[in-house]
Structure formats: C-alpha cells, structure tokens
N, C-alpha and C. Protein backbone atom coordinates (compact mmCIF):
# COMPACT_ATOMS: atom_id res chain seq x y z
N GLU A 1 4.74 14.00 -27.11
CA GLU A 1 5.18 14.48 -25.84
C GLU A 1 5.09 13.25 -24.84
N PHE A 2 6.08 13.08 -24.05
CA PHE A 2 6.20 11.98 -23.06
C PHE A 2 6.26 12.61 -21.76
N ASP A 3 5.20 12.64 -20.89
CA ASP A 3 5.15 13.11 -19.74
C ASP A 3 4.69 12.09 -18.68
N ASN A 4 5.29 12.32 -17.47
CA ASN A 4 4.81 11.30 -16.24
C ASN A 4 3.53 11.68 -15.92
N THR A 5 2.79 10.59 -15.56
CA THR A 5 1.37 10.87 -14.98
C THR A 5 1.52 10.74 -13.44
N ASP A 6 0.34 11.20 -12.81
CA ASP A 6 0.42 11.09 -11.18
C ASP A 6 0.29 9.51 -11.10
N LEU A 7 1.07 9.15 -10.12
CA LEU A 7 1.23 7.76 -9.86
C LEU A 7 0.20 7.53 -8.73
N ALA A 8 -0.42 6.29 -8.66
CA ALA A 8 -1.24 5.96 -7.72
C ALA A 8 -0.75 5.87 -6.27
N GLN A 9 -1.39 6.47 -5.32
CA GLN A 9 -1.13 6.46 -3.98
C GLN A 9 -2.10 5.97 -3.09
N ALA A 10 -1.81 5.70 -1.80
CA ALA A 10 -2.96 5.29 -0.90
C ALA A 10 -3.90 6.41 -0.48
N SER A 11 -5.01 5.90 -0.26
CA SER A 11 -6.20 7.06 0.28
C SER A 11 -6.27 6.74 1.63
N TYR A 12 -6.58 7.84 2.46
CA TYR A 12 -6.63 7.63 3.87
C TYR A 12 -7.95 8.24 4.27
N ILE A 13 -8.53 7.52 5.25
CA ILE A 13 -9.98 7.81 5.74
C ILE A 13 -9.81 8.30 7.25
N TYR A 14 -10.13 9.66 7.50
CA TYR A 14 -9.77 9.91 8.95
C TYR A 14 -11.31 10.17 9.71
N ALA A 15 -11.23 10.12 10.85
CA ALA A 15 -12.48 10.36 11.72
C ALA A 15 -12.78 11.82 11.61
N SER A 16 -13.79 12.35 12.09
CA SER A 16 -14.18 13.66 12.04
C SER A 16 -13.40 14.71 12.97
N ASP A 17 -12.61 14.11 13.87
CA ASP A 17 -11.49 14.93 14.55
C ASP A 17 -10.28 15.33 13.67
N GLY A 18 -10.21 14.68 12.49
CA GLY A 18 -9.13 14.84 11.57
C GLY A 18 -7.78 14.29 11.76
N THR A 19 -7.72 13.51 12.99
CA THR A 19 -6.34 13.01 13.25
C THR A 19 -6.46 11.58 13.30
N THR A 20 -7.44 10.89 13.73
CA THR A 20 -7.61 9.52 13.88
C THR A 20 -7.76 8.86 12.72
N LEU A 21 -6.86 7.90 12.10
CA LEU A 21 -6.88 7.29 11.08
C LEU A 21 -7.78 6.08 11.06
N LEU A 22 -8.80 5.94 10.34
CA LEU A 22 -9.87 5.04 10.31
C LEU A 22 -9.54 3.59 9.25
N ALA A 23 -8.97 4.20 8.05
CA ALA A 23 -8.77 3.17 7.10
C ALA A 23 -7.76 3.66 6.24
N THR A 24 -7.12 2.72 5.51
CA THR A 24 -6.22 2.95 4.35
C THR A 24 -6.60 2.12 3.26
N PHE A 25 -6.72 2.75 2.04
CA PHE A 25 -7.20 2.00 0.79
C PHE A 25 -6.04 2.05 -0.25
N TYR A 26 -5.77 1.12 -0.87
CA TYR A 26 -4.65 1.32 -1.93
C TYR A 26 -4.58 -0.17 -2.81
N ASP A 27 -4.41 0.20 -4.02
CA ASP A 27 -3.96 -0.89 -4.96
C ASP A 27 -2.40 -1.05 -4.89
N GLN A 28 -1.90 0.10 -4.80
CA GLN A 28 -0.43 0.30 -4.75
C GLN A 28 -0.07 1.37 -3.68
N ASN A 29 0.71 0.82 -2.58
CA ASN A 29 1.01 1.68 -1.50
C ASN A 29 2.22 2.49 -1.65
N ARG A 30 2.05 3.60 -2.25
CA ARG A 30 3.32 4.28 -2.54
C ARG A 30 3.14 5.74 -2.02
N VAL A 31 4.44 6.21 -1.45
CA VAL A 31 4.53 7.58 -0.97
C VAL A 31 5.39 8.29 -2.01
N ILE A 32 5.03 9.42 -2.59
CA ILE A 32 5.82 10.23 -3.34
C ILE A 32 6.78 10.99 -2.71
N VAL A 33 8.10 11.03 -2.97
CA VAL A 33 9.05 11.97 -2.20
C VAL A 33 9.93 12.57 -3.39
N GLU A 34 10.47 13.60 -3.01
CA GLU A 34 11.35 14.26 -3.88
C GLU A 34 12.69 13.79 -3.87
N LEU A 35 13.34 13.73 -5.10
CA LEU A 35 14.63 13.07 -5.30
C LEU A 35 15.79 13.53 -4.23
N GLN A 36 15.67 14.76 -3.83
CA GLN A 36 16.66 15.19 -2.94
C GLN A 36 16.29 14.78 -1.44
N ASP A 37 15.16 14.10 -1.30
CA ASP A 37 14.96 13.72 -0.02
C ASP A 37 15.35 12.23 0.02
N ILE A 38 15.81 11.72 -0.95
CA ILE A 38 16.33 10.15 -0.98
C ILE A 38 17.75 10.28 -0.85
N SER A 39 18.31 9.39 0.15
CA SER A 39 19.72 9.34 0.41
C SER A 39 20.43 9.06 -0.98
N PRO A 40 21.56 9.84 -1.21
CA PRO A 40 22.40 9.49 -2.31
C PRO A 40 22.94 8.02 -2.26
N TRP A 41 23.15 7.47 -1.13
CA TRP A 41 23.62 6.05 -1.14
C TRP A 41 22.44 5.18 -1.43
N MET A 42 21.00 5.59 -1.21
CA MET A 42 20.02 4.64 -1.72
C MET A 42 19.93 4.98 -3.20
N GLN A 43 19.97 6.10 -3.74
CA GLN A 43 20.00 6.41 -5.14
C GLN A 43 21.06 5.47 -5.85
N LYS A 44 22.27 5.41 -5.20
CA LYS A 44 23.22 4.63 -5.94
C LYS A 44 23.03 3.10 -5.86
N ALA A 45 22.43 2.73 -4.73
CA ALA A 45 22.10 1.29 -4.47
C ALA A 45 21.03 0.78 -5.45
N ILE A 46 20.03 1.67 -5.74
CA ILE A 46 19.03 1.22 -6.76
C ILE A 46 19.66 1.23 -8.11
N VAL A 47 20.32 2.18 -8.50
CA VAL A 47 21.11 1.94 -9.74
C VAL A 47 21.88 0.84 -9.98
N ALA A 48 22.69 0.73 -8.92
CA ALA A 48 23.53 -0.44 -8.76
C ALA A 48 22.85 -1.86 -9.20
N VAL A 49 21.65 -2.01 -8.43
CA VAL A 49 21.01 -3.27 -8.36
C VAL A 49 20.24 -3.28 -9.65
N GLU A 50 19.45 -2.28 -10.13
CA GLU A 50 18.39 -2.28 -11.22
C GLU A 50 19.25 -2.22 -12.66
N ASP A 51 20.32 -1.31 -12.57
CA ASP A 51 20.76 -1.17 -13.94
C ASP A 51 22.23 -0.64 -13.91
N LYS A 52 23.20 -1.64 -13.69
CA LYS A 52 24.52 -1.42 -13.23
C LYS A 52 25.36 -0.60 -14.20
N ARG A 53 24.90 -0.75 -15.53
CA ARG A 53 25.59 -0.03 -16.74
C ARG A 53 24.77 1.39 -16.96
N PHE A 54 23.94 1.96 -16.01
CA PHE A 54 23.06 3.01 -16.37
C PHE A 54 23.84 4.23 -16.86
N TRP A 55 24.88 4.41 -16.29
CA TRP A 55 25.86 5.63 -16.85
C TRP A 55 26.55 5.40 -17.97
N GLU A 56 26.65 4.18 -18.54
CA GLU A 56 27.30 3.82 -19.75
C GLU A 56 26.58 3.67 -21.16
N HIS A 57 25.19 3.63 -20.95
CA HIS A 57 24.34 3.34 -22.23
C HIS A 57 23.35 4.79 -22.20
N ASN A 58 22.60 4.77 -23.33
CA ASN A 58 21.79 5.81 -23.62
C ASN A 58 20.25 5.46 -23.54
N GLY A 59 19.98 4.63 -22.54
CA GLY A 59 18.70 4.18 -22.34
C GLY A 59 18.26 2.79 -22.77
N VAL A 60 19.12 2.23 -23.57
CA VAL A 60 19.05 0.79 -23.98
C VAL A 60 20.37 0.11 -23.79
N ASP A 61 20.46 -0.93 -22.97
CA ASP A 61 21.73 -1.75 -22.88
C ASP A 61 21.72 -2.86 -23.76
N GLY A 62 22.51 -2.61 -24.81
CA GLY A 62 22.70 -3.70 -25.83
C GLY A 62 23.38 -4.97 -25.31
N GLU A 63 24.21 -4.82 -24.27
CA GLU A 63 24.97 -5.90 -23.66
C GLU A 63 23.91 -6.71 -22.94
N GLY A 64 23.16 -5.97 -22.13
CA GLY A 64 22.13 -6.75 -21.26
C GLY A 64 21.16 -7.51 -22.28
N LEU A 65 20.66 -6.90 -23.37
CA LEU A 65 19.77 -7.43 -24.20
C LEU A 65 20.23 -8.78 -25.01
N VAL A 66 21.51 -8.60 -25.41
CA VAL A 66 22.11 -9.79 -25.97
C VAL A 66 22.24 -10.96 -24.84
N ARG A 67 22.72 -10.53 -23.63
CA ARG A 67 22.78 -11.68 -22.64
C ARG A 67 21.33 -12.52 -22.38
N ALA A 68 20.31 -11.43 -22.32
CA ALA A 68 19.01 -11.88 -22.00
C ALA A 68 18.57 -12.88 -23.06
N VAL A 69 18.74 -12.52 -24.37
CA VAL A 69 18.37 -13.31 -25.52
C VAL A 69 19.15 -14.60 -25.57
N TYR A 70 20.46 -14.58 -25.36
CA TYR A 70 21.28 -15.73 -25.20
C TYR A 70 20.89 -16.66 -24.31
N LEU A 71 20.58 -16.29 -23.01
CA LEU A 71 19.98 -17.17 -21.90
C LEU A 71 18.81 -17.76 -22.31
N ALA A 72 17.85 -17.00 -22.80
CA ALA A 72 16.59 -17.65 -23.31
C ALA A 72 16.66 -18.46 -24.29
N VAL A 73 17.52 -18.40 -25.26
CA VAL A 73 17.67 -19.55 -26.33
C VAL A 73 18.49 -20.56 -25.86
N THR A 74 19.66 -20.56 -25.17
CA THR A 74 20.68 -21.58 -24.80
C THR A 74 20.26 -22.16 -23.41
N ALA A 75 19.67 -21.51 -22.54
CA ALA A 75 19.54 -22.27 -21.10
C ALA A 75 17.88 -22.12 -20.79
N ASP A 76 16.97 -21.83 -21.81
CA ASP A 76 15.68 -21.71 -21.45
C ASP A 76 15.50 -21.18 -20.04
N ALA A 77 16.12 -19.98 -19.99
CA ALA A 77 16.01 -19.15 -18.61
C ALA A 77 15.67 -17.65 -19.31
N THR A 78 14.88 -17.01 -18.30
CA THR A 78 14.58 -15.65 -18.65
C THR A 78 15.44 -14.75 -17.59
N GLN A 79 15.86 -13.68 -18.14
CA GLN A 79 16.49 -12.65 -17.32
C GLN A 79 16.10 -11.26 -17.99
N GLY A 80 15.83 -10.30 -17.18
CA GLY A 80 15.39 -9.05 -17.56
C GLY A 80 16.69 -8.38 -18.31
N ALA A 81 16.10 -7.55 -19.27
CA ALA A 81 17.15 -6.56 -20.04
C ALA A 81 16.61 -5.24 -20.01
N SER A 82 15.67 -4.96 -19.24
CA SER A 82 15.06 -3.57 -19.22
C SER A 82 16.10 -2.63 -18.44
N THR A 83 16.42 -1.40 -18.92
CA THR A 83 17.16 -0.42 -18.24
C THR A 83 16.28 0.33 -17.32
N LEU A 84 16.53 1.13 -16.53
CA LEU A 84 15.84 2.05 -15.58
C LEU A 84 15.05 2.79 -16.46
N THR A 85 15.58 3.49 -17.67
CA THR A 85 14.91 4.21 -18.48
C THR A 85 13.76 3.52 -19.02
N GLN A 86 13.91 2.20 -19.61
CA GLN A 86 12.77 1.41 -20.13
C GLN A 86 11.80 1.02 -19.20
N GLN A 87 12.16 0.83 -17.91
CA GLN A 87 11.09 0.55 -16.72
C GLN A 87 10.27 1.88 -16.83
N LEU A 88 11.02 3.05 -16.61
CA LEU A 88 10.25 4.28 -16.47
C LEU A 88 9.21 4.51 -17.72
N VAL A 89 9.68 4.26 -18.78
CA VAL A 89 8.76 4.38 -19.97
C VAL A 89 7.69 3.45 -19.84
N ARG A 90 7.85 2.20 -19.63
CA ARG A 90 6.77 1.10 -19.52
C ARG A 90 5.80 1.51 -18.36
N ASN A 91 6.40 1.89 -17.20
CA ASN A 91 5.38 2.20 -16.05
C ASN A 91 4.67 3.49 -16.40
N THR A 92 5.26 4.53 -17.10
CA THR A 92 4.53 5.71 -17.38
C THR A 92 3.53 5.42 -18.38
N LEU A 93 3.75 4.55 -19.53
CA LEU A 93 2.56 4.37 -20.42
C LEU A 93 1.52 3.53 -19.79
N ARG A 94 1.88 2.76 -18.87
CA ARG A 94 0.81 1.82 -18.27
C ARG A 94 -0.08 2.88 -17.50
N GLU A 95 0.62 3.47 -16.64
CA GLU A 95 -0.07 4.27 -15.64
C GLU A 95 -1.00 5.52 -16.32
N ALA A 96 -0.55 5.95 -17.54
CA ALA A 96 -1.22 7.03 -18.47
C ALA A 96 -2.47 6.14 -19.08
N ALA A 97 -2.27 4.94 -19.38
CA ALA A 97 -3.31 4.07 -20.01
C ALA A 97 -4.34 3.90 -18.99
N GLU A 98 -3.87 3.44 -17.83
CA GLU A 98 -5.07 3.20 -16.80
C GLU A 98 -5.78 4.41 -16.38
N ALA A 99 -4.87 5.61 -16.29
CA ALA A 99 -5.66 6.67 -15.88
C ALA A 99 -6.70 7.32 -16.93
N SER A 100 -6.45 6.96 -18.15
CA SER A 100 -7.29 7.43 -19.34
C SER A 100 -8.52 6.45 -19.48
N GLY A 101 -8.25 5.31 -19.10
CA GLY A 101 -9.19 4.16 -19.28
C GLY A 101 -9.14 3.63 -20.70
N ASP A 102 -8.23 4.04 -21.34
CA ASP A 102 -7.95 3.50 -22.73
C ASP A 102 -7.57 1.91 -22.80
N GLN A 103 -8.33 1.15 -22.90
CA GLN A 103 -8.18 -0.35 -23.01
C GLN A 103 -6.95 -0.70 -23.93
N GLU A 104 -7.22 -0.32 -25.27
CA GLU A 104 -6.17 -0.63 -26.20
C GLU A 104 -4.66 -0.10 -25.84
N ALA A 105 -4.64 1.14 -25.37
CA ALA A 105 -3.44 1.68 -24.89
C ALA A 105 -2.89 0.72 -23.77
N LEU A 106 -3.67 0.43 -22.84
CA LEU A 106 -3.28 -0.36 -21.72
C LEU A 106 -2.75 -1.91 -22.29
N GLU A 107 -3.51 -2.37 -23.11
CA GLU A 107 -2.96 -3.69 -23.69
C GLU A 107 -1.57 -3.49 -24.30
N ALA A 108 -1.50 -2.39 -25.03
CA ALA A 108 -0.26 -2.17 -25.82
C ALA A 108 0.95 -1.96 -24.79
N ALA A 109 0.58 -1.39 -23.57
CA ALA A 109 1.69 -0.90 -22.58
C ALA A 109 2.20 -2.26 -21.68
N THR A 110 1.08 -3.12 -21.69
CA THR A 110 1.40 -4.44 -20.95
C THR A 110 1.70 -5.62 -21.66
N GLU A 111 1.64 -5.66 -22.92
CA GLU A 111 1.67 -6.90 -23.90
C GLU A 111 3.31 -7.20 -23.66
N VAL A 112 3.50 -8.53 -23.79
CA VAL A 112 4.76 -9.05 -23.94
C VAL A 112 5.20 -9.39 -25.58
N SER A 113 5.82 -8.57 -26.13
CA SER A 113 6.07 -8.82 -27.57
C SER A 113 7.42 -8.23 -28.03
N VAL A 114 7.92 -8.49 -28.99
CA VAL A 114 9.02 -7.77 -29.76
C VAL A 114 8.74 -6.39 -30.02
N GLU A 115 7.43 -6.28 -30.57
CA GLU A 115 7.13 -5.08 -30.99
C GLU A 115 6.95 -3.98 -29.78
N ARG A 116 6.55 -4.45 -28.64
CA ARG A 116 6.60 -3.58 -27.48
C ARG A 116 7.90 -3.12 -26.90
N LYS A 117 8.94 -4.31 -27.06
CA LYS A 117 10.11 -3.86 -26.64
C LYS A 117 10.78 -2.85 -27.44
N ILE A 118 10.59 -2.99 -28.99
CA ILE A 118 11.01 -1.96 -29.81
C ILE A 118 10.53 -0.63 -29.47
N ARG A 119 9.24 -0.55 -29.26
CA ARG A 119 8.47 0.62 -28.85
C ARG A 119 9.27 1.35 -27.68
N GLU A 120 9.48 0.40 -26.69
CA GLU A 120 9.97 0.79 -25.34
C GLU A 120 11.43 1.43 -25.71
N TRP A 121 12.17 0.66 -26.55
CA TRP A 121 13.50 1.16 -26.90
C TRP A 121 13.49 2.65 -27.35
N ARG A 122 12.57 2.77 -28.32
CA ARG A 122 12.46 4.03 -29.00
C ARG A 122 12.15 5.08 -28.14
N TYR A 123 11.10 4.96 -27.17
CA TYR A 123 10.75 5.87 -26.14
C TYR A 123 11.96 6.19 -25.29
N ALA A 124 12.59 5.02 -24.84
CA ALA A 124 13.83 5.25 -23.88
C ALA A 124 14.85 5.97 -24.42
N LEU A 125 15.19 5.78 -25.60
CA LEU A 125 16.15 6.53 -26.34
C LEU A 125 15.77 8.02 -26.58
N ALA A 126 14.53 8.25 -27.01
CA ALA A 126 14.09 9.64 -27.01
C ALA A 126 13.97 10.32 -25.62
N TYR A 127 13.56 9.56 -24.66
CA TYR A 127 13.62 10.27 -23.22
C TYR A 127 15.07 10.60 -22.76
N GLU A 128 15.92 9.72 -22.89
CA GLU A 128 17.26 9.81 -22.59
C GLU A 128 17.90 11.07 -23.52
N GLU A 129 17.58 11.20 -24.60
CA GLU A 129 18.09 12.44 -25.59
C GLU A 129 17.54 13.54 -24.94
N ARG A 130 16.21 13.56 -24.63
CA ARG A 130 15.60 14.76 -24.11
C ARG A 130 16.11 15.18 -22.74
N LEU A 131 16.54 14.19 -21.82
CA LEU A 131 16.93 14.62 -20.55
C LEU A 131 18.43 15.11 -20.81
N ASN A 132 19.17 14.35 -21.69
CA ASN A 132 20.68 14.97 -22.03
C ASN A 132 20.58 16.38 -22.43
N SER A 133 19.60 16.62 -23.27
CA SER A 133 19.69 18.01 -23.90
C SER A 133 19.34 19.01 -22.76
N ILE A 134 18.41 18.66 -22.02
CA ILE A 134 17.89 19.52 -20.97
C ILE A 134 18.93 19.70 -19.77
N TYR A 135 19.56 18.44 -19.31
CA TYR A 135 20.30 18.42 -18.11
C TYR A 135 21.72 17.98 -18.38
N GLY A 136 21.98 17.84 -19.60
CA GLY A 136 23.40 17.29 -19.87
C GLY A 136 24.54 18.02 -19.55
N ASN A 137 24.39 19.35 -19.34
CA ASN A 137 25.44 20.26 -19.08
C ASN A 137 25.66 20.32 -17.44
N VAL A 138 24.87 19.69 -16.71
CA VAL A 138 24.97 19.75 -15.18
C VAL A 138 26.26 19.28 -14.83
N CYS A 139 26.77 18.17 -15.52
CA CYS A 139 27.90 17.33 -14.85
C CYS A 139 29.16 18.32 -15.24
N THR A 140 29.07 18.89 -16.26
CA THR A 140 30.22 19.71 -16.78
C THR A 140 30.31 21.09 -16.21
N SER A 141 29.14 21.48 -15.97
CA SER A 141 29.11 23.03 -15.48
C SER A 141 28.81 23.04 -13.85
N ALA A 142 28.64 21.99 -13.25
CA ALA A 142 28.56 21.81 -11.74
C ALA A 142 29.31 20.70 -11.18
N PRO A 143 30.57 21.03 -11.03
CA PRO A 143 31.52 19.97 -10.55
C PRO A 143 31.07 19.32 -9.03
N GLU A 144 30.24 20.19 -8.52
CA GLU A 144 29.74 19.62 -7.05
C GLU A 144 28.72 18.39 -7.31
N VAL A 145 28.18 18.33 -8.47
CA VAL A 145 27.09 17.20 -8.79
C VAL A 145 27.92 15.86 -9.09
N ASP A 146 27.65 14.87 -8.25
CA ASP A 146 28.01 13.48 -8.49
C ASP A 146 27.26 12.80 -9.60
N CYS A 147 27.98 12.62 -10.69
CA CYS A 147 27.20 12.06 -11.98
C CYS A 147 27.54 10.63 -12.26
N GLY A 148 27.87 9.93 -11.10
CA GLY A 148 28.06 8.53 -11.26
C GLY A 148 29.38 8.15 -10.79
C-alpha cells in the first residue's frame, strides 16, 4: 500500500498570551493547503513547468527519459526526467523513511541509481493506475471538471 505520510511543517512557539509569536523552527517551511484552495491557474502553471506532458503519460514519461539519457551521453549534461508522479513517489518514500527512522529505507529512497529509477517508475505507474481506477470517471461523468 502506498500512502502519503504527514509532511514536515514549521513549529511555532507562542508567549503565554497565546498570540505573541516568539519563534519559528523548521527544516522545511511548508504550509499544507487543500487543492481547492490553490488557484487553478497556479495548478496549471506548476504542471506546465514541472511536467508539461503530465496529461499524456501514465506516470512515466518515456520521451523525457530518452531525452535525459541522450543529453547525459552526448553532451555530458544532466536534465531531469522525473514526472510529477515520480516526484510524489520519491518524496513520499523519503518522508516515510525519515518518519520511521529506517536508515536502510532512507538510503534506498535517496540513492541515485538505475535500480531506484526503476523502482520509482513501478510505483509511479501503480500510483497512476490506482488514481485512474478511483478518479478516472471524473472527467467523463463531470463535464464541469477541467481535466487539462
């Protein structure tokens, strides 16, 4: 089962009056918001910048992968080939490993290797398949939903 873990957020220390903020502590300063609270324009902008073929692939972008490998071999340059789904998988695995204190799982989630990429692809494809089976009918049964 692939479940999102609670993401790290900032901690706030208040004075005894309950309103005066004394300090903020964080490794990652993030505020969790609901998807419906994010502007549709911002959602589209993130998809356009991070994974422009998001609506065309099923979690793994073969074209992006081939491009990244080609550039790495011919131009000695690196370019990301991870889709948004793969980024979600990688971040979720890393967060879960950090939360559990499992050093072996953390190393597996953060290593840079072909094996990790293959594992990431498998999870991404499984995650996309699961989402499609749960939410796949939304676009066809709810014409008011903008699906890309």
